[in-house]
Amino acid sequence: MQPRMGGIIQANIPDVDTLFASYMPYVVGGGLFVPSKQPVKMGEEVFVLTTLPEQSQKIPLTGKVIWISQKQNGIKPQGFGIQLAGEKGIYFKSEAERMLTGLKSEGRRSYTM
C-alpha cells in the first residue's frame, strides 16, 4: 500500500493475506484499513483508490474514518480504517468477502482488532 498522492490515498492489496489483515468485516457495510501516515480525523470522509488481489482494476472507494492507529505497533502499521460507502463500497465488500470465504483465521493477524 502506498501513501497519499495528490489528494488521493492509494491502497494496493497485493495478496489474500494483506486483504485478510486489512478488511474489517465487523463494520456495518464493510470496512478497510489503509496503512498511511496521512493525518486524518475520526468521522472525516476520505477517498481511497484501491486494488484487490490478482485484479488490476482500481476501485475508487469513499468512506468515513472510523479507526486510527497513530503509530506502528509491532505488526500493526500506522494508518486508519474507513467504513465503506456507496456502490463501489458494496462491490468491494462483496469481492473481499468472496475472496476470503473459507479462509481460516487461525494464525492470521488483523491490522485492527
N, C-alpha and C. Protein backbone atom coordinates (compact mmCIF):
# COMPACT_ATOMS: atom_id res chain seq x y z
N MET A 1 0.84 -1.17 0.00
CA MET A 1 0.00 0.00 0.00
C MET A 1 0.89 1.23 0.00
N GLN A 2 0.42 2.26 -0.67
CA GLN A 2 1.22 3.45 -0.84
C GLN A 2 0.59 4.64 -0.15
N PRO A 3 1.39 5.64 0.17
CA PRO A 3 0.85 6.83 0.82
C PRO A 3 0.00 7.67 -0.11
N ARG A 4 -0.62 8.66 0.45
CA ARG A 4 -1.49 9.57 -0.28
C ARG A 4 -0.70 10.30 -1.37
N MET A 5 -1.31 10.43 -2.54
CA MET A 5 -0.65 11.08 -3.65
C MET A 5 -1.62 12.06 -4.30
N GLY A 6 -1.33 13.34 -4.22
CA GLY A 6 -2.15 14.35 -4.87
C GLY A 6 -3.60 14.35 -4.42
N GLY A 7 -3.87 14.18 -3.13
CA GLY A 7 -5.23 14.21 -2.64
C GLY A 7 -5.92 12.86 -2.68
N ILE A 8 -5.31 11.88 -3.32
CA ILE A 8 -5.89 10.54 -3.39
C ILE A 8 -5.00 9.59 -2.61
N ILE A 9 -5.60 8.82 -1.75
CA ILE A 9 -4.84 7.82 -1.00
C ILE A 9 -4.90 6.53 -1.80
N GLN A 10 -3.74 5.97 -2.11
CA GLN A 10 -3.68 4.73 -2.88
C GLN A 10 -3.44 3.56 -1.95
N ALA A 11 -4.18 2.49 -2.13
CA ALA A 11 -4.05 1.29 -1.30
C ALA A 11 -4.07 0.06 -2.20
N ASN A 12 -2.90 -0.46 -2.51
CA ASN A 12 -2.80 -1.67 -3.30
C ASN A 12 -2.79 -2.87 -2.37
N ILE A 13 -3.69 -3.79 -2.58
CA ILE A 13 -3.77 -5.00 -1.77
C ILE A 13 -3.25 -6.15 -2.63
N PRO A 14 -1.97 -6.51 -2.47
CA PRO A 14 -1.33 -7.44 -3.40
C PRO A 14 -1.71 -8.91 -3.24
N ASP A 15 -2.15 -9.31 -2.03
CA ASP A 15 -2.42 -10.73 -1.82
C ASP A 15 -3.53 -10.93 -0.79
N VAL A 16 -3.97 -12.18 -0.67
CA VAL A 16 -5.09 -12.50 0.22
C VAL A 16 -4.71 -12.27 1.69
N ASP A 17 -3.46 -12.50 2.06
CA ASP A 17 -3.04 -12.26 3.44
C ASP A 17 -3.19 -10.78 3.81
N THR A 18 -2.80 -9.90 2.90
CA THR A 18 -2.94 -8.46 3.13
C THR A 18 -4.41 -8.09 3.17
N LEU A 19 -5.22 -8.69 2.30
CA LEU A 19 -6.66 -8.43 2.31
C LEU A 19 -7.26 -8.86 3.65
N PHE A 20 -6.87 -10.04 4.13
CA PHE A 20 -7.38 -10.52 5.41
C PHE A 20 -7.04 -9.54 6.53
N ALA A 21 -5.80 -9.05 6.53
CA ALA A 21 -5.34 -8.14 7.58
C ALA A 21 -6.01 -6.77 7.48
N SER A 22 -6.41 -6.38 6.26
CA SER A 22 -6.94 -5.03 6.02
C SER A 22 -8.46 -4.93 6.07
N TYR A 23 -9.16 -5.99 5.68
CA TYR A 23 -10.61 -5.94 5.60
C TYR A 23 -11.22 -5.99 6.99
N MET A 24 -12.25 -5.20 7.21
CA MET A 24 -12.91 -5.11 8.52
C MET A 24 -14.36 -5.60 8.38
N PRO A 25 -14.60 -6.93 8.46
CA PRO A 25 -15.93 -7.48 8.22
C PRO A 25 -16.95 -7.13 9.31
N TYR A 26 -16.48 -6.76 10.49
CA TYR A 26 -17.37 -6.44 11.61
C TYR A 26 -17.96 -5.04 11.50
N VAL A 27 -17.54 -4.25 10.51
CA VAL A 27 -18.07 -2.91 10.30
C VAL A 27 -19.31 -3.01 9.42
N VAL A 28 -20.38 -2.36 9.80
CA VAL A 28 -21.61 -2.36 9.01
C VAL A 28 -21.29 -1.82 7.61
N GLY A 29 -21.59 -2.60 6.58
CA GLY A 29 -21.29 -2.19 5.20
C GLY A 29 -19.87 -2.51 4.78
N GLY A 30 -19.06 -3.06 5.70
CA GLY A 30 -17.67 -3.40 5.41
C GLY A 30 -16.74 -2.24 5.71
N GLY A 31 -15.52 -2.58 6.02
CA GLY A 31 -14.52 -1.56 6.33
C GLY A 31 -13.17 -1.96 5.76
N LEU A 32 -12.30 -0.99 5.63
CA LEU A 32 -10.97 -1.23 5.09
C LEU A 32 -9.94 -0.44 5.88
N PHE A 33 -8.90 -1.13 6.35
CA PHE A 33 -7.78 -0.46 7.00
C PHE A 33 -6.79 -0.05 5.91
N VAL A 34 -6.35 1.20 5.97
CA VAL A 34 -5.44 1.76 4.98
C VAL A 34 -4.15 2.18 5.69
N PRO A 35 -3.05 1.42 5.50
CA PRO A 35 -1.78 1.86 6.07
C PRO A 35 -1.37 3.20 5.46
N SER A 36 -1.17 4.20 6.30
CA SER A 36 -0.85 5.53 5.79
C SER A 36 -0.34 6.40 6.94
N LYS A 37 0.53 7.33 6.61
CA LYS A 37 1.00 8.32 7.59
C LYS A 37 0.22 9.62 7.43
N GLN A 38 -0.74 9.61 6.51
CA GLN A 38 -1.58 10.78 6.25
C GLN A 38 -2.42 11.08 7.50
N PRO A 39 -2.35 12.30 8.02
CA PRO A 39 -3.18 12.61 9.19
C PRO A 39 -4.65 12.72 8.79
N VAL A 40 -5.49 12.02 9.54
CA VAL A 40 -6.94 12.07 9.32
C VAL A 40 -7.61 12.22 10.68
N LYS A 41 -8.89 12.58 10.64
CA LYS A 41 -9.66 12.74 11.88
C LYS A 41 -10.84 11.78 11.86
N MET A 42 -11.24 11.35 13.04
CA MET A 42 -12.41 10.48 13.16
C MET A 42 -13.61 11.18 12.51
N GLY A 43 -14.35 10.42 11.72
CA GLY A 43 -15.54 10.96 11.07
C GLY A 43 -15.27 11.64 9.74
N GLU A 44 -14.00 11.89 9.42
CA GLU A 44 -13.65 12.55 8.15
C GLU A 44 -13.96 11.63 6.97
N GLU A 45 -14.48 12.21 5.89
CA GLU A 45 -14.71 11.46 4.65
C GLU A 45 -13.41 11.45 3.85
N VAL A 46 -13.01 10.27 3.37
CA VAL A 46 -11.78 10.16 2.58
C VAL A 46 -12.06 9.41 1.28
N PHE A 47 -11.17 9.59 0.32
CA PHE A 47 -11.24 8.91 -0.97
C PHE A 47 -10.00 8.03 -1.08
N VAL A 48 -10.23 6.74 -1.34
CA VAL A 48 -9.13 5.77 -1.45
C VAL A 48 -9.27 5.05 -2.79
N LEU A 49 -8.17 4.98 -3.51
CA LEU A 49 -8.13 4.23 -4.76
C LEU A 49 -7.40 2.93 -4.46
N THR A 50 -8.09 1.80 -4.62
CA THR A 50 -7.50 0.52 -4.21
C THR A 50 -7.63 -0.54 -5.28
N THR A 51 -6.86 -1.60 -5.11
CA THR A 51 -6.98 -2.78 -5.95
C THR A 51 -7.16 -3.99 -5.04
N LEU A 52 -7.69 -5.04 -5.60
CA LEU A 52 -7.83 -6.31 -4.89
C LEU A 52 -6.81 -7.30 -5.43
N PRO A 53 -6.48 -8.35 -4.66
CA PRO A 53 -5.50 -9.34 -5.13
C PRO A 53 -5.87 -9.90 -6.50
N GLU A 54 -4.87 -10.02 -7.34
CA GLU A 54 -5.00 -10.59 -8.68
C GLU A 54 -5.96 -9.83 -9.58
N GLN A 55 -6.22 -8.57 -9.27
CA GLN A 55 -7.06 -7.73 -10.12
C GLN A 55 -6.31 -6.43 -10.40
N SER A 56 -6.33 -5.99 -11.64
CA SER A 56 -5.65 -4.75 -11.98
C SER A 56 -6.58 -3.54 -11.92
N GLN A 57 -7.88 -3.81 -11.89
CA GLN A 57 -8.88 -2.73 -11.84
C GLN A 57 -8.75 -1.94 -10.55
N LYS A 58 -8.64 -0.62 -10.66
CA LYS A 58 -8.59 0.24 -9.48
C LYS A 58 -10.03 0.56 -9.07
N ILE A 59 -10.29 0.44 -7.78
CA ILE A 59 -11.64 0.66 -7.25
C ILE A 59 -11.63 1.95 -6.44
N PRO A 60 -12.42 2.94 -6.88
CA PRO A 60 -12.49 4.19 -6.12
C PRO A 60 -13.48 4.05 -4.96
N LEU A 61 -12.96 4.16 -3.75
CA LEU A 61 -13.79 4.00 -2.56
C LEU A 61 -13.89 5.31 -1.79
N THR A 62 -15.04 5.55 -1.23
CA THR A 62 -15.21 6.65 -0.29
C THR A 62 -15.66 6.04 1.02
N GLY A 63 -15.30 6.69 2.09
CA GLY A 63 -15.71 6.18 3.38
C GLY A 63 -15.39 7.16 4.49
N LYS A 64 -15.97 6.87 5.63
CA LYS A 64 -15.79 7.70 6.81
C LYS A 64 -14.74 7.04 7.70
N VAL A 65 -13.80 7.82 8.22
CA VAL A 65 -12.76 7.30 9.11
C VAL A 65 -13.39 6.86 10.43
N ILE A 66 -13.17 5.57 10.78
CA ILE A 66 -13.76 5.01 12.00
C ILE A 66 -12.70 4.39 12.91
N TRP A 67 -11.45 4.37 12.47
CA TRP A 67 -10.38 3.74 13.24
C TRP A 67 -9.09 4.47 12.90
N ILE A 68 -8.29 4.77 13.91
CA ILE A 68 -6.99 5.41 13.66
C ILE A 68 -5.93 4.72 14.51
N SER A 69 -4.84 4.29 13.85
CA SER A 69 -3.65 3.79 14.53
C SER A 69 -2.60 4.87 14.34
N GLN A 70 -2.30 5.60 15.41
CA GLN A 70 -1.41 6.75 15.32
C GLN A 70 0.02 6.40 14.94
N LYS A 71 0.50 5.23 15.39
CA LYS A 71 1.86 4.84 15.06
C LYS A 71 1.94 3.33 14.93
N GLN A 72 2.97 2.88 14.24
CA GLN A 72 3.15 1.44 14.04
C GLN A 72 3.41 0.78 15.38
N ASN A 73 2.79 -0.40 15.56
CA ASN A 73 2.91 -1.13 16.81
C ASN A 73 3.09 -2.60 16.47
N GLY A 74 4.32 -3.09 16.50
CA GLY A 74 4.57 -4.49 16.15
C GLY A 74 4.22 -4.75 14.70
N ILE A 75 3.29 -5.68 14.46
CA ILE A 75 2.88 -5.99 13.09
C ILE A 75 1.79 -5.06 12.59
N LYS A 76 1.26 -4.23 13.46
CA LYS A 76 0.16 -3.35 13.07
C LYS A 76 0.72 -2.01 12.60
N PRO A 77 0.53 -1.70 11.32
CA PRO A 77 1.08 -0.45 10.78
C PRO A 77 0.27 0.78 11.19
N GLN A 78 0.89 1.93 11.05
CA GLN A 78 0.19 3.20 11.23
C GLN A 78 -0.81 3.34 10.09
N GLY A 79 -1.97 3.90 10.38
CA GLY A 79 -2.96 4.10 9.34
C GLY A 79 -4.34 4.35 9.92
N PHE A 80 -5.35 4.10 9.10
CA PHE A 80 -6.73 4.35 9.54
C PHE A 80 -7.67 3.38 8.84
N GLY A 81 -8.83 3.19 9.46
CA GLY A 81 -9.86 2.34 8.88
C GLY A 81 -11.04 3.20 8.46
N ILE A 82 -11.66 2.80 7.35
CA ILE A 82 -12.85 3.51 6.88
C ILE A 82 -14.04 2.57 6.81
N GLN A 83 -15.22 3.14 7.02
CA GLN A 83 -16.47 2.43 6.78
C GLN A 83 -16.83 2.68 5.34
N LEU A 84 -16.93 1.62 4.55
CA LEU A 84 -17.19 1.75 3.12
C LEU A 84 -18.57 2.32 2.85
N ALA A 85 -18.66 3.10 1.77
CA ALA A 85 -19.93 3.73 1.40
C ALA A 85 -20.13 3.62 -0.10
N GLY A 86 -21.37 3.75 -0.52
CA GLY A 86 -21.71 3.82 -1.95
C GLY A 86 -21.65 2.50 -2.68
N GLU A 87 -21.91 2.58 -3.99
CA GLU A 87 -21.93 1.40 -4.86
C GLU A 87 -20.60 0.68 -4.89
N LYS A 88 -19.52 1.45 -4.98
CA LYS A 88 -18.18 0.84 -5.03
C LYS A 88 -17.83 0.17 -3.71
N GLY A 89 -18.33 0.72 -2.61
CA GLY A 89 -18.13 0.09 -1.31
C GLY A 89 -18.82 -1.25 -1.23
N ILE A 90 -20.04 -1.32 -1.78
CA ILE A 90 -20.79 -2.58 -1.81
C ILE A 90 -20.04 -3.60 -2.67
N TYR A 91 -19.53 -3.15 -3.82
CA TYR A 91 -18.76 -4.02 -4.71
C TYR A 91 -17.51 -4.55 -3.99
N PHE A 92 -16.75 -3.64 -3.36
CA PHE A 92 -15.53 -4.03 -2.67
C PHE A 92 -15.83 -5.05 -1.58
N LYS A 93 -16.84 -4.79 -0.77
CA LYS A 93 -17.24 -5.69 0.32
C LYS A 93 -17.57 -7.07 -0.23
N SER A 94 -18.34 -7.12 -1.30
CA SER A 94 -18.74 -8.38 -1.91
C SER A 94 -17.52 -9.16 -2.42
N GLU A 95 -16.63 -8.48 -3.13
CA GLU A 95 -15.43 -9.12 -3.68
C GLU A 95 -14.49 -9.58 -2.57
N ALA A 96 -14.28 -8.73 -1.57
CA ALA A 96 -13.39 -9.10 -0.46
C ALA A 96 -13.93 -10.33 0.26
N GLU A 97 -15.21 -10.34 0.56
CA GLU A 97 -15.79 -11.48 1.27
C GLU A 97 -15.77 -12.74 0.42
N ARG A 98 -15.94 -12.60 -0.88
CA ARG A 98 -15.84 -13.76 -1.77
C ARG A 98 -14.42 -14.34 -1.72
N MET A 99 -13.41 -13.47 -1.78
CA MET A 99 -12.01 -13.92 -1.77
C MET A 99 -11.61 -14.53 -0.42
N LEU A 100 -12.24 -14.08 0.65
CA LEU A 100 -11.87 -14.55 1.99
C LEU A 100 -12.72 -15.72 2.47
N THR A 101 -13.76 -16.08 1.72
CA THR A 101 -14.64 -17.19 2.11
C THR A 101 -13.83 -18.47 2.25
N GLY A 102 -14.02 -19.14 3.37
CA GLY A 102 -13.37 -20.42 3.61
C GLY A 102 -11.95 -20.29 4.12
N LEU A 103 -11.43 -19.09 4.19
CA LEU A 103 -10.07 -18.88 4.67
C LEU A 103 -10.07 -18.98 6.19
N LYS A 104 -9.21 -19.79 6.73
CA LYS A 104 -9.14 -19.95 8.18
C LYS A 104 -8.42 -18.76 8.79
N SER A 105 -8.98 -18.25 9.87
CA SER A 105 -8.39 -17.09 10.53
C SER A 105 -7.30 -17.47 11.51
N GLU A 106 -7.20 -18.74 11.84
CA GLU A 106 -6.19 -19.20 12.79
C GLU A 106 -4.79 -18.87 12.28
N GLY A 107 -4.03 -18.20 13.13
CA GLY A 107 -2.66 -17.86 12.76
C GLY A 107 -2.54 -16.61 11.90
N ARG A 108 -3.65 -16.02 11.50
CA ARG A 108 -3.62 -14.80 10.69
C ARG A 108 -3.88 -13.60 11.59
N ARG A 109 -3.28 -12.50 11.26
CA ARG A 109 -3.45 -11.30 12.08
C ARG A 109 -4.15 -10.21 11.32
N SER A 110 -4.81 -9.37 12.07
CA SER A 110 -5.52 -8.22 11.51
C SER A 110 -4.74 -6.95 11.85
N TYR A 111 -4.84 -5.95 10.98
CA TYR A 111 -4.21 -4.67 11.26
C TYR A 111 -5.01 -3.86 12.28
N THR A 112 -6.22 -4.33 12.61
CA THR A 112 -7.07 -3.59 13.55
C THR A 112 -7.30 -4.44 14.81
N MET A 113 -8.44 -5.11 14.89
CA MET A 113 -8.77 -5.87 16.11
C MET A 113 -8.44 -7.34 15.94
